[in-house]
PDB file of N, CA and C in Angstrom:
ATOM      1  N   MET A   1       0.744  -1.227  -0.043  1.00  0.00           N
ATOM      2  CA  MET A   1       0.038   0.101   0.018  1.00  0.00           C
ATOM      3  C   MET A   1       0.943   1.328  -0.008  1.00  0.00           C
ATOM      4  N   LEU A   2       2.039   1.294   0.819  1.00  0.00           N
ATOM      5  CA  LEU A   2       2.815   2.460   0.498  1.00  0.00           C
ATOM      6  C   LEU A   2       3.458   2.734  -0.811  1.00  0.00           C
ATOM      7  N   ASP A   3       3.594   1.744  -1.873  1.00  0.00           N
ATOM      8  CA  ASP A   3       3.970   2.089  -3.177  1.00  0.00           C
ATOM      9  C   ASP A   3       2.981   2.867  -3.747  1.00  0.00           C
ATOM     10  N   PHE A   4       1.645   2.851  -3.477  1.00  0.00           N
ATOM     11  CA  PHE A   4       0.767   3.635  -4.260  1.00  0.00           C
ATOM     12  C   PHE A   4       0.999   5.152  -3.844  1.00  0.00           C
ATOM     13  N   PHE A   5       1.658   5.599  -2.784  1.00  0.00           N
ATOM     14  CA  PHE A   5       1.687   7.075  -2.540  1.00  0.00           C
ATOM     15  C   PHE A   5       3.079   7.476  -2.757  1.00  0.00           C
ATOM     16  N   LYS A   6       4.135   6.531  -3.152  1.00  0.00           N
ATOM     17  CA  LYS A   6       5.333   6.891  -3.536  1.00  0.00           C
ATOM     18  C   LYS A   6       5.343   7.605  -4.743  1.00  0.00           C
ATOM     19  N   GLU A   7       6.098   8.733  -4.789  1.00  0.00           N
ATOM     20  CA  GLU A   7       6.091   9.518  -5.900  1.00  0.00           C
ATOM     21  C   GLU A   7       7.071   9.025  -7.039  1.00  0.00           C
ATOM     22  N   VAL A   8       6.475   9.254  -8.336  1.00  0.00           N
ATOM     23  CA  VAL A   8       7.063   8.738  -9.443  1.00  0.00           C
ATOM     24  C   VAL A   8       7.535   9.847 -10.343  1.00  0.00           C
ATOM     25  N   ASN A   9       8.587   9.697 -10.836  1.00  0.00           N
ATOM     26  CA  ASN A   9       9.169  10.953 -11.723  1.00  0.00           C
ATOM     27  C   ASN A   9       9.284  10.462 -13.045  1.00  0.00           C
ATOM     28  N   LEU A  10       8.781  11.216 -14.027  1.00  0.00           N
ATOM     29  CA  LEU A  10       8.840  10.961 -15.397  1.00  0.00           C
ATOM     30  C   LEU A  10      10.128  11.723 -15.881  1.00  0.00           C
ATOM     31  N   THR A  11      10.657  10.754 -16.741  1.00  0.00           N
ATOM     32  CA  THR A  11      12.074  11.047 -17.278  1.00  0.00           C
ATOM     33  C   THR A  11      12.000  10.813 -18.532  1.00  0.00           C
ATOM     34  N   CYS A  12      12.816  11.576 -19.411  1.00  0.00           N
ATOM     35  CA  CYS A  12      12.931  11.486 -20.878  1.00  0.00           C
ATOM     36  C   CYS A  12      13.525  10.203 -21.360  1.00  0.00           C
ATOM     37  N   SER A  13      12.962   9.276 -22.203  1.00  0.00           N
ATOM     38  CA  SER A  13      13.741   8.099 -22.387  1.00  0.00           C
ATOM     39  C   SER A  13      14.953   8.459 -23.217  1.00  0.00           C
ATOM     40  N   ASN A  14      15.113   9.454 -24.010  1.00  0.00           N
ATOM     41  CA  ASN A  14      16.266   9.809 -24.706  1.00  0.00           C
ATOM     42  C   ASN A  14      17.403  10.449 -23.901  1.00  0.00           C
ATOM     43  N   CYS A  15      17.287  11.652 -23.260  1.00  0.00           N
ATOM     44  CA  CYS A  15      18.213  12.389 -22.512  1.00  0.00           C
ATOM     45  C   CYS A  15      18.379  11.973 -20.919  1.00  0.00           C
ATOM     46  N   GLY A  16      17.245  11.498 -20.428  1.00  0.00           N
ATOM     47  CA  GLY A  16      17.189  11.246 -19.055  1.00  0.00           C
ATOM     48  C   GLY A  16      16.726  12.456 -18.262  1.00  0.00           C
ATOM     49  N   ARG A  17      16.411  13.608 -18.737  1.00  0.00           N
ATOM     50  CA  ARG A  17      16.065  14.567 -18.054  1.00  0.00           C
ATOM     51  C   ARG A  17      14.685  14.526 -17.217  1.00  0.00           C
ATOM     52  N   GLU A  18      14.548  15.049 -16.154  1.00  0.00           N
ATOM     53  CA  GLU A  18      13.353  14.839 -15.566  1.00  0.00           C
ATOM     54  C   GLU A  18      12.274  15.736 -16.018  1.00  0.00           C
ATOM     55  N   ILE A  19      11.112  15.274 -16.252  1.00  0.00           N
ATOM     56  CA  ILE A  19       9.869  16.257 -16.686  1.00  0.00           C
ATOM     57  C   ILE A  19       9.103  16.836 -15.693  1.00  0.00           C
ATOM     58  N   LYS A  20       9.200  18.110 -15.582  1.00  0.00           N
ATOM     59  CA  LYS A  20       8.763  18.745 -14.520  1.00  0.00           C
ATOM     60  C   LYS A  20       7.055  19.122 -14.530  1.00  0.00           C
ATOM     61  N   GLU A  21       6.529  19.444 -13.614  1.00  0.00           N
ATOM     62  CA  GLU A  21       4.837  19.794 -13.529  1.00  0.00           C
ATOM     63  C   GLU A  21       4.649  20.879 -14.694  1.00  0.00           C
ATOM     64  N   ASN A  22       3.718  20.686 -15.327  1.00  0.00           N
ATOM     65  CA  ASN A  22       3.163  21.688 -16.394  1.00  0.00           C
ATOM     66  C   ASN A  22       4.046  21.848 -17.480  1.00  0.00           C
ATOM     67  N   GLU A  23       4.984  20.834 -17.665  1.00  0.00           N
ATOM     68  CA  GLU A  23       5.880  20.837 -18.903  1.00  0.00           C
ATOM     69  C   GLU A  23       5.250  19.939 -19.950  1.00  0.00           C
ATOM     70  N   PRO A  24       5.156  20.285 -21.224  1.00  0.00           N
ATOM     71  CA  PRO A  24       4.645  19.580 -22.349  1.00  0.00           C
ATOM     72  C   PRO A  24       5.793  18.412 -22.561  1.00  0.00           C
ATOM     73  N   PHE A  25       5.201  17.302 -22.915  1.00  0.00           N
ATOM     74  CA  PHE A  25       6.003  15.921 -23.414  1.00  0.00           C
ATOM     75  C   PHE A  25       5.314  14.957 -24.078  1.00  0.00           C
ATOM     76  N   THR A  26       5.877  14.196 -24.883  1.00  0.00           N
ATOM     77  CA  THR A  26       5.238  13.322 -25.741  1.00  0.00           C
ATOM     78  C   THR A  26       5.492  11.940 -25.427  1.00  0.00           C
ATOM     79  N   VAL A  27       4.465  10.977 -25.570  1.00  0.00           N
ATOM     80  CA  VAL A  27       4.338   9.764 -24.997  1.00  0.00           C
ATOM     81  C   VAL A  27       3.905   8.772 -26.195  1.00  0.00           C
ATOM     82  N   THR A  28       4.623   7.650 -26.250  1.00  0.00           N
ATOM     83  CA  THR A  28       4.343   6.713 -27.226  1.00  0.00           C
ATOM     84  C   THR A  28       3.720   5.451 -26.469  1.00  0.00           C
ATOM     85  N   LEU A  29       2.415   5.003 -26.787  1.00  0.00           N
ATOM     86  CA  LEU A  29       1.786   4.015 -26.139  1.00  0.00           C
ATOM     87  C   LEU A  29       1.247   3.145 -27.204  1.00  0.00           C
ATOM     88  N   LYS A  30       1.266   1.602 -26.908  1.00  0.00           N
ATOM     89  CA  LYS A  30       0.450   0.751 -27.697  1.00  0.00           C
ATOM     90  C   LYS A  30      -0.996   0.531 -26.971  1.00  0.00           C
ATOM     91  N   LEU A  31      -1.920   0.605 -27.802  1.00  0.00           N
ATOM     92  CA  LEU A  31      -3.358   0.388 -27.252  1.00  0.00           C
ATOM     93  C   LEU A  31      -3.371  -1.122 -26.688  1.00  0.00           C
ATOM     94  N   PRO A  32      -3.728  -1.007 -25.287  1.00  0.00           N
ATOM     95  CA  PRO A  32      -3.782  -2.442 -24.659  1.00  0.00           C
ATOM     96  C   PRO A  32      -5.191  -3.062 -24.893  1.00  0.00           C
ATOM     97  N   SER A  33      -5.378  -4.384 -24.547  1.00  0.00           N
ATOM     98  CA  SER A  33      -6.607  -4.905 -24.668  1.00  0.00           C
ATOM     99  C   SER A  33      -7.613  -4.270 -23.519  1.00  0.00           C
ATOM    100  N   LYS A  34      -8.890  -4.530 -23.527  1.00  0.00           N
ATOM    101  CA  LYS A  34      -9.577  -4.144 -22.347  1.00  0.00           C
ATOM    102  C   LYS A  34      -9.441  -4.934 -21.279  1.00  0.00           C
ATOM    103  N   LYS A  35      -8.880  -5.973 -21.114  1.00  0.00           N
ATOM    104  CA  LYS A  35      -8.278  -6.596 -19.969  1.00  0.00           C
ATOM    105  C   LYS A  35      -7.173  -5.934 -19.284  1.00  0.00           C
ATOM    106  N   LYS A  36      -6.464  -5.385 -20.088  1.00  0.00           N
ATOM    107  CA  LYS A  36      -5.094  -4.987 -19.720  1.00  0.00           C
ATOM    108  C   LYS A  36      -5.020  -3.372 -19.757  1.00  0.00           C
ATOM    109  N   MET A  37      -6.263  -2.867 -19.799  1.00  0.00           N
ATOM    110  CA  MET A  37      -6.187  -1.202 -19.926  1.00  0.00           C
ATOM    111  C   MET A  37      -5.716  -0.677 -18.576  1.00  0.00           C
ATOM    112  N   PRO A  38      -4.725   0.242 -18.719  1.00  0.00           N
ATOM    113  CA  PRO A  38      -4.124   0.985 -17.480  1.00  0.00           C
ATOM    114  C   PRO A  38      -5.075   1.795 -16.866  1.00  0.00           C
ATOM    115  N   VAL A  39      -5.005   1.780 -15.622  1.00  0.00           N
ATOM    116  CA  VAL A  39      -6.151   2.550 -14.616  1.00  0.00           C
ATOM    117  C   VAL A  39      -5.215   3.050 -13.533  1.00  0.00           C
ATOM    118  N   GLY A  40      -5.256   4.438 -13.267  1.00  0.00           N
ATOM    119  CA  GLY A  40      -4.572   4.761 -12.060  1.00  0.00           C
ATOM    120  C   GLY A  40      -4.023   6.137 -12.492  1.00  0.00           C
ATOM    121  N   VAL A  41      -3.103   6.619 -11.526  1.00  0.00           N
ATOM    122  CA  VAL A  41      -2.515   7.933 -11.567  1.00  0.00           C
ATOM    123  C   VAL A  41      -1.704   8.126 -12.719  1.00  0.00           C
ATOM    124  N   LEU A  42      -1.959   9.121 -13.538  1.00  0.00           N
ATOM    125  CA  LEU A  42      -1.149   9.216 -14.939  1.00  0.00           C
ATOM    126  C   LEU A  42       0.244   9.072 -14.930  1.00  0.00           C
ATOM    127  N   ASP A  43       1.014   9.734 -14.119  1.00  0.00           N
ATOM    128  CA  ASP A  43       2.428   9.606 -14.170  1.00  0.00           C
ATOM    129  C   ASP A  43       2.943   8.175 -13.819  1.00  0.00           C
ATOM    130  N   LYS A  44       2.168   7.258 -12.938  1.00  0.00           N
ATOM    131  CA  LYS A  44       2.612   6.086 -12.618  1.00  0.00           C
ATOM    132  C   LYS A  44       2.137   5.030 -14.015  1.00  0.00           C
ATOM    133  N   VAL A  45       1.055   5.384 -14.456  1.00  0.00           N
ATOM    134  CA  VAL A  45       0.633   4.589 -15.622  1.00  0.00           C
ATOM    135  C   VAL A  45       1.638   4.716 -17.029  1.00  0.00           C
ATOM    136  N   LEU A  46       1.986   5.969 -16.907  1.00  0.00           N
ATOM    137  CA  LEU A  46       3.039   6.222 -18.194  1.00  0.00           C
ATOM    138  C   LEU A  46       4.252   5.624 -17.751  1.00  0.00           C
ATOM    139  N   VAL A  47       4.881   5.726 -16.627  1.00  0.00           N
ATOM    140  CA  VAL A  47       6.054   4.829 -16.284  1.00  0.00           C
ATOM    141  C   VAL A  47       6.035   3.570 -16.509  1.00  0.00           C
ATOM    142  N   LYS A  48       4.923   2.848 -16.195  1.00  0.00           N
ATOM    143  CA  LYS A  48       4.825   1.638 -16.357  1.00  0.00           C
ATOM    144  C   LYS A  48       4.600   0.963 -17.711  1.00  0.00           C
ATOM    145  N   HIS A  49       3.796   1.827 -18.580  1.00  0.00           N
ATOM    146  CA  HIS A  49       3.243   1.175 -19.690  1.00  0.00           C
ATOM    147  C   HIS A  49       3.862   2.047 -21.076  1.00  0.00           C
ATOM    148  N   ALA A  50       4.591   2.987 -20.781  1.00  0.00           N
ATOM    149  CA  ALA A  50       4.810   3.796 -22.113  1.00  0.00           C
ATOM    150  C   ALA A  50       6.094   3.284 -22.892  1.00  0.00           C
ATOM    151  N   GLU A  51       6.048   3.112 -24.059  1.00  0.00           N
ATOM    152  CA  GLU A  51       7.272   2.696 -24.791  1.00  0.00           C
ATOM    153  C   GLU A  51       8.402   3.842 -24.813  1.00  0.00           C
ATOM    154  N   LYS A  52       8.101   5.046 -25.048  1.00  0.00           N
ATOM    155  CA  LYS A  52       8.928   6.014 -24.830  1.00  0.00           C
ATOM    156  C   LYS A  52       8.115   7.348 -24.466  1.00  0.00           C
ATOM    157  N   ILE A  53       8.976   8.140 -23.705  1.00  0.00           N
ATOM    158  CA  ILE A  53       8.588   9.464 -22.989  1.00  0.00           C
ATOM    159  C   ILE A  53       9.722  10.419 -23.416  1.00  0.00           C
ATOM    160  N   LEU A  54       9.291  11.412 -24.272  1.00  0.00           N
ATOM    161  CA  LEU A  54      10.241  12.462 -24.783  1.00  0.00           C
ATOM    162  C   LEU A  54       9.694  13.826 -24.240  1.00  0.00           C
ATOM    163  N   CYS A  55      11.077  14.492 -23.827  1.00  0.00           N
ATOM    164  CA  CYS A  55      10.601  15.984 -23.404  1.00  0.00           C
ATOM    165  C   CYS A  55      10.716  16.764 -24.800  1.00  0.00           C
ATOM    166  N   THR A  56      10.182  18.096 -24.713  1.00  0.00           N
ATOM    167  CA  THR A  56      10.110  18.846 -25.989  1.00  0.00           C
ATOM    168  C   THR A  56      11.261  18.969 -26.734  1.00  0.00           C
ATOM    169  N   GLN A  57      12.422  19.127 -26.235  1.00  0.00           N
ATOM    170  CA  GLN A  57      13.901  19.273 -26.781  1.00  0.00           C
ATOM    171  C   GLN A  57      14.122  17.943 -27.771  1.00  0.00           C
ATOM    172  N   CYS A  58      13.841  16.859 -27.098  1.00  0.00           N
ATOM    173  CA  CYS A  58      14.199  15.498 -27.660  1.00  0.00           C
ATOM    174  C   CYS A  58      13.014  15.276 -28.737  1.00  0.00           C
ATOM    175  N   GLN A  59      12.056  15.556 -28.589  1.00  0.00           N
ATOM    176  CA  GLN A  59      10.890  15.300 -29.600  1.00  0.00           C
ATOM    177  C   GLN A  59      11.116  16.185 -30.748  1.00  0.00           C
ATOM    178  N   SER A  60      11.525  17.312 -30.549  1.00  0.00           N
ATOM    179  CA  SER A  60      11.848  18.230 -31.701  1.00  0.00           C
ATOM    180  C   SER A  60      13.008  17.491 -32.647  1.00  0.00           C
ATOM    181  N   VAL A  61      14.079  16.936 -31.963  1.00  0.00           N
ATOM    182  CA  VAL A  61      15.089  16.582 -32.594  1.00  0.00           C
ATOM    183  C   VAL A  61      14.738  15.167 -33.409  1.00  0.00           C
ATOM    184  N   CYS A  62      13.755  14.441 -32.817  1.00  0.00           N
ATOM    185  CA  CYS A  62      13.431  13.087 -33.555  1.00  0.00           C
ATOM    186  C   CYS A  62      12.357  13.274 -34.604  1.00  0.00           C
ATOM    187  N   VAL A  63      11.794  14.429 -34.608  1.00  0.00           N
ATOM    188  CA  VAL A  63      10.987  14.688 -35.770  1.00  0.00           C
ATOM    189  C   VAL A  63      11.518  15.101 -36.929  1.00  0.00           C
TER     190      VAL A  63
END
């Protein structure tokens, strides 16, 4: 139960920089089946299920 309240930090998959509150970012996800649909706090769901999380600087370089 304590893990639920633990703070999770989003970090860029490319450069490793921490993404701060109110900062835009890009996420790559695969659409899961209905049985495996992620539910929960957004940052925790993204850390667990995202293929890539990119900050705005890395996203502009990748495009």
